[in-house]
Protein backbone atom coordinates (compact mmCIF):
# COMPACT_ATOMS: atom_id res chain seq x y z
CA MET A 1 -12.07 -23.15 8.60
CA ARG A 2 -9.30 -21.50 6.60
CA GLN A 3 -10.07 -18.54 4.37
CA ILE A 4 -8.58 -18.45 0.87
CA ARG A 5 -8.40 -14.98 -0.65
CA LEU A 6 -6.82 -14.24 -4.04
CA TYR A 7 -6.40 -11.36 -6.44
CA THR A 8 -7.32 -11.79 -10.09
CA PRO A 9 -7.14 -8.93 -12.62
CA GLN A 10 -10.13 -10.08 -14.68
CA PRO A 11 -13.74 -8.81 -14.50
CA LEU A 12 -15.95 -10.75 -12.08
CA SER A 13 -19.71 -11.24 -12.07
CA GLN A 14 -22.19 -13.37 -10.16
CA GLY A 15 -22.95 -16.79 -11.63
CA GLU A 16 -19.91 -16.78 -13.90
CA ALA A 17 -17.39 -19.62 -14.10
CA ILE A 18 -13.89 -18.18 -14.50
CA SER A 19 -10.44 -19.61 -15.07
CA LEU A 20 -7.78 -18.12 -12.83
CA ASP A 21 -4.60 -16.71 -14.33
CA ASP A 22 -1.39 -18.74 -14.03
CA VAL A 23 -0.09 -16.89 -10.96
CA ALA A 24 -3.31 -17.22 -8.93
CA ALA A 25 -3.90 -20.80 -10.09
CA SER A 26 -0.37 -21.89 -9.17
CA HIS A 27 -0.60 -20.28 -5.73
CA LEU A 28 -4.00 -21.84 -5.09
CA VAL A 29 -2.92 -25.36 -6.07
CA ARG A 30 0.76 -25.57 -5.10
CA VAL A 31 0.83 -23.40 -1.99
CA LEU A 32 -2.72 -23.52 -0.60
CA ARG A 33 -3.41 -27.09 -1.79
CA ALA A 34 -6.95 -26.19 -2.83
CA ARG A 35 -9.37 -28.94 -3.83
CA ILE A 36 -12.66 -29.07 -5.71
CA GLY A 37 -15.43 -27.74 -3.47
CA ASP A 38 -13.19 -25.37 -1.49
CA ALA A 39 -14.55 -21.89 -0.87
CA VAL A 40 -12.44 -19.02 -2.19
CA THR A 41 -12.75 -15.23 -2.08
CA LEU A 42 -11.60 -13.30 -5.15
CA PHE A 43 -11.05 -9.58 -5.65
CA ASN A 44 -9.92 -7.50 -8.63
CA GLY A 45 -9.45 -4.09 -7.04
CA ASN A 46 -12.93 -2.68 -7.72
CA GLY A 47 -13.81 -2.59 -4.03
CA LEU A 48 -15.80 -5.84 -3.88
CA ASP A 49 -15.04 -9.30 -2.55
CA TRP A 50 -16.43 -12.12 -4.68
CA LEU A 51 -17.29 -15.42 -3.01
CA GLY A 52 -16.80 -18.53 -5.11
CA THR A 53 -16.30 -22.28 -5.15
CA VAL A 54 -13.47 -24.21 -6.80
CA THR A 55 -15.07 -26.40 -9.48
CA GLU A 56 -12.04 -27.64 -11.42
CA VAL A 57 -8.39 -28.17 -10.52
CA GLY A 58 -5.69 -29.03 -13.03
CA LYS A 59 -1.93 -28.74 -13.20
CA ARG A 60 -2.10 -25.41 -15.00
CA ALA A 61 -5.73 -24.33 -14.65
CA VAL A 62 -8.19 -23.71 -11.86
CA GLN A 63 -11.84 -22.86 -12.42
CA VAL A 64 -13.97 -21.02 -9.87
CA GLU A 65 -17.74 -20.46 -9.93
CA VAL A 66 -18.55 -16.98 -8.65
CA VAL A 67 -21.51 -17.15 -6.27
CA SER A 68 -22.00 -13.70 -4.76
CA SER A 69 -20.27 -10.43 -3.85
CA TYR A 70 -20.14 -7.95 -1.02
CA GLN A 71 -18.27 -4.76 -0.14
CA PRO A 72 -15.85 -5.08 2.79
CA ASP A 73 -16.17 -2.26 5.28
CA ASN A 74 -12.44 -1.78 5.83
CA GLU A 75 -11.39 1.24 3.75
CA SER A 76 -10.55 4.41 5.64
CA SER A 77 -12.33 7.60 4.63
CA LEU A 78 -9.02 9.40 5.24
CA LYS A 79 -7.13 9.36 1.94
CA THR A 80 -3.39 9.08 2.56
CA HIS A 81 -0.61 9.50 -0.01
CA LEU A 82 2.85 8.33 1.03
CA GLY A 83 5.89 9.89 -0.58
CA LEU A 84 8.64 7.50 0.51
CA CYS A 85 12.28 7.93 -0.46
CA LEU A 86 13.82 4.79 -1.88
CA SER A 87 15.93 2.45 0.24
CA LYS A 88 18.11 -0.56 -0.46
CA GLY A 89 17.35 -4.25 -0.21
CA GLU A 90 14.01 -5.39 1.13
CA ARG A 91 13.46 -2.31 3.28
CA PHE A 92 11.30 -0.55 0.69
CA ASP A 93 9.24 -3.71 0.04
CA TRP A 94 8.65 -4.11 3.77
CA ALA A 95 7.65 -0.46 4.18
CA ILE A 96 5.05 -0.45 1.40
CA GLN A 97 3.69 -3.83 2.49
CA LYS A 98 3.04 -2.51 5.99
CA ALA A 99 1.75 0.83 4.70
CA THR A 100 -0.83 -1.11 2.69
CA GLU A 101 -1.92 -2.97 5.80
CA MET A 102 -2.24 0.38 7.59
CA GLY A 103 -4.66 1.67 4.93
CA ILE A 104 -2.52 3.81 2.60
CA HIS A 105 -4.24 4.90 -0.63
CA GLN A 106 -1.28 5.82 -2.83
CA ILE A 107 2.49 5.36 -2.73
CA THR A 108 5.09 7.33 -4.67
CA PRO A 109 8.75 6.20 -4.50
CA LEU A 110 11.06 9.22 -4.36
CA PHE A 111 14.64 10.09 -5.25
CA SER A 112 16.32 12.53 -2.88
CA THR A 113 19.88 13.68 -2.20
CA ARG A 114 20.75 10.81 0.15
CA VAL A 115 19.02 8.04 -1.79
CA ASP A 116 21.67 5.50 -2.78
CA VAL A 117 19.52 3.40 -5.11
CA LYS A 118 20.07 3.16 -8.86
CA LEU A 119 17.17 2.23 -11.14
CA PRO A 120 18.18 1.95 -14.81
CA SER A 121 15.41 3.01 -17.17
CA ASP A 122 15.22 -0.46 -18.73
CA ARG A 123 14.46 -1.99 -15.31
CA LEU A 124 12.11 0.68 -14.01
CA ALA A 125 8.82 -0.79 -15.26
CA LYS A 126 9.73 -4.22 -13.89
CA ARG A 127 10.56 -2.73 -10.50
CA VAL A 128 7.30 -0.79 -10.30
CA ALA A 129 5.40 -3.98 -11.25
CA HIS A 130 7.23 -5.79 -8.42
CA TRP A 131 6.21 -3.12 -5.90
CA GLN A 132 2.61 -3.25 -7.11
CA GLN A 133 2.63 -7.02 -6.58
CA VAL A 134 3.93 -6.51 -3.03
CA VAL A 135 0.93 -4.25 -2.42
CA ILE A 136 -1.50 -6.75 -3.99
CA SER A 137 -0.15 -9.55 -1.80
CA ALA A 138 -0.60 -7.33 1.26
CA CYS A 139 -4.23 -6.71 0.21
CA GLU A 140 -4.79 -10.46 -0.07
CA GLN A 141 -3.54 -10.89 3.48
CA CYS A 142 -5.23 -7.94 5.21
CA GLY A 143 -8.62 -8.14 3.48
CA ARG A 144 -8.58 -4.96 1.41
CA ALA A 145 -10.51 -5.00 -1.88
CA VAL A 146 -9.18 -1.61 -3.01
CA ILE A 147 -5.57 -1.77 -4.19
CA PRO A 148 -3.29 1.23 -3.47
CA HIS A 149 -1.55 2.56 -6.56
CA VAL A 150 2.25 2.54 -6.70
CA ALA A 151 3.41 5.38 -8.94
CA SER A 152 6.58 5.46 -10.99
CA PRO A 153 9.52 6.88 -9.00
CA MET A 154 10.08 10.61 -9.27
CA THR A 155 12.29 13.29 -7.79
CA LEU A 156 11.43 14.77 -4.43
CA SER A 157 11.21 18.28 -5.91
CA ALA A 158 8.74 17.16 -8.60
CA TRP A 159 6.56 15.34 -6.06
CA LEU A 160 6.48 18.33 -3.73
CA ALA A 161 5.44 20.59 -6.61
CA GLU A 162 2.56 18.46 -7.84
CA THR A 163 1.17 16.76 -4.73
CA ALA A 164 -2.20 18.04 -3.57
CA ALA A 165 -3.74 17.18 -0.20
CA GLU A 166 -5.74 18.98 2.45
CA MET A 167 -2.92 18.40 4.94
CA LYS A 168 0.76 17.87 4.11
CA LEU A 169 3.24 16.47 6.61
CA VAL A 170 6.99 15.85 6.54
CA LEU A 171 8.33 13.45 9.14
CA HIS A 172 11.57 14.65 10.69
CA HIS A 173 13.05 14.11 14.16
CA HIS A 174 14.17 17.74 14.41
CA GLN A 175 10.66 19.06 13.85
CA GLN A 176 8.33 20.00 16.68
CA GLY A 177 4.97 19.71 14.94
CA ILE A 178 2.07 17.67 16.32
CA LEU A 179 -1.26 16.56 14.87
CA GLU A 180 -3.96 19.05 15.71
CA GLY A 181 -7.15 20.55 14.30
CA THR A 182 -10.16 18.96 12.67
CA ALA A 183 -9.89 15.77 10.64
CA PRO A 184 -8.74 16.40 7.04
CA GLU A 185 -10.11 14.41 4.10
CA SER A 186 -6.66 13.77 2.64
CA ILE A 187 -3.05 13.73 3.86
CA ALA A 188 0.26 13.66 2.00
CA LEU A 189 3.05 12.21 4.13
CA LEU A 190 6.73 12.65 3.21
CA ILE A 191 9.35 10.31 4.68
CA GLY A 192 13.04 10.55 3.89
CA PRO A 193 15.66 7.90 3.06
CA GLU A 194 18.36 6.25 5.14
CA GLY A 195 20.38 9.20 6.40
CA GLY A 196 17.31 11.42 6.33
CA LEU A 197 16.31 14.45 4.33
CA THR A 198 18.83 17.28 4.08
CA GLU A 199 18.04 20.58 5.75
CA GLU A 200 17.57 22.08 2.27
CA GLU A 201 15.03 19.38 1.41
CA VAL A 202 13.11 19.94 4.65
CA GLU A 203 13.01 23.66 3.88
CA MET A 204 11.83 22.87 0.34
CA ALA A 205 9.02 20.79 1.84
CA HIS A 206 8.04 23.68 4.11
CA GLU A 207 7.91 25.99 1.10
CA ALA A 208 5.50 23.49 -0.51
CA HIS A 209 3.27 23.86 2.59
CA PHE A 210 4.36 20.64 4.31
CA HIS A 211 4.22 20.92 8.09
CA GLY A 212 6.79 19.22 10.29
CA LEU A 213 5.81 16.13 12.28
CA ARG A 214 7.86 14.55 15.07
CA LEU A 215 6.65 11.27 16.56
CA GLY A 216 8.97 11.04 19.54
CA PRO A 217 12.51 11.35 20.88
CA ARG A 218 13.99 8.47 18.86
CA VAL A 219 15.18 8.39 15.25
CA LEU A 220 13.14 5.86 13.27
CA ARG A 221 14.45 3.83 10.37
CA THR A 222 13.01 4.65 6.97
CA GLU A 223 11.06 1.37 6.92
CA THR A 224 9.73 1.86 10.46
CA ALA A 225 8.63 5.47 10.00
CA PRO A 226 5.67 4.86 7.64
CA VAL A 227 4.12 2.29 9.97
CA ALA A 228 4.51 4.50 13.04
CA ALA A 229 3.27 7.64 11.29
CA LEU A 230 0.27 5.95 9.65
CA ALA A 231 -0.68 4.34 12.97
CA VAL A 232 -0.63 7.71 14.73
CA ILE A 233 -2.51 9.45 11.90
CA GLY A 234 -5.02 6.62 11.65
CA ALA A 235 -5.67 6.67 15.39
CA ARG A 236 -6.06 10.46 15.36
CA TRP A 237 -8.25 10.91 12.29
CA GLY A 238 -8.72 7.55 10.56
CA ASP A 239 -10.22 4.16 11.39
CA ILE A 240 -7.58 2.70 13.73
CA GLN A 241 -9.26 2.09 17.05
CA SER A 242 -8.38 0.47 20.34
CA SER A 243 -10.58 -0.94 23.08
CA ILE A 244 -7.95 -0.17 25.70
């Protein structure tokens, strides 16, 4: 039996009949071909999954009766904050989508010396909303009921100055650092753009108490690096496990 899982921004409560917003309703009817009587799981980011039943289907409206709720046990106790330098095309979308699947808690897009992305101020809010929707869609797919926050883009220097975490790591293929010590409660992870961070930026990160991290002998693309780093960190201190 297929599982239908959708995000809705509205408050949810047991026994309530709700009308889905246009985006969720359209996806449910046009893409998923939902019918009256179908089971659906809703979430609004408060950490709960709400089980419901489709009771009405129209061209522009879908009504769901909320039956019960439960808390999915799939959030890592390790709080991770990704500072990811901006990249062109769909690379950034892909990176934050996969970071969400890997359990990231917060994402901050960054401008650095080698970032070749222009974001006019009049388009900034729309772009951030797009990234947040990428994250929401990833939560729908992977089963998360807590939605990572995508912050407004900021400069690398500003992010380094204000970011607080028990452990801070900067990914760089010239570094020699490894993951060691007891499990921290929070990690800030810095990943550079296409072309990498400059030596001055790496030094600036060190001055902000970021420790170097090298994952292996190969240079990873900026969209590959978050997935690889979060997998290693999650396996070392988080909830990524293997039966092998």
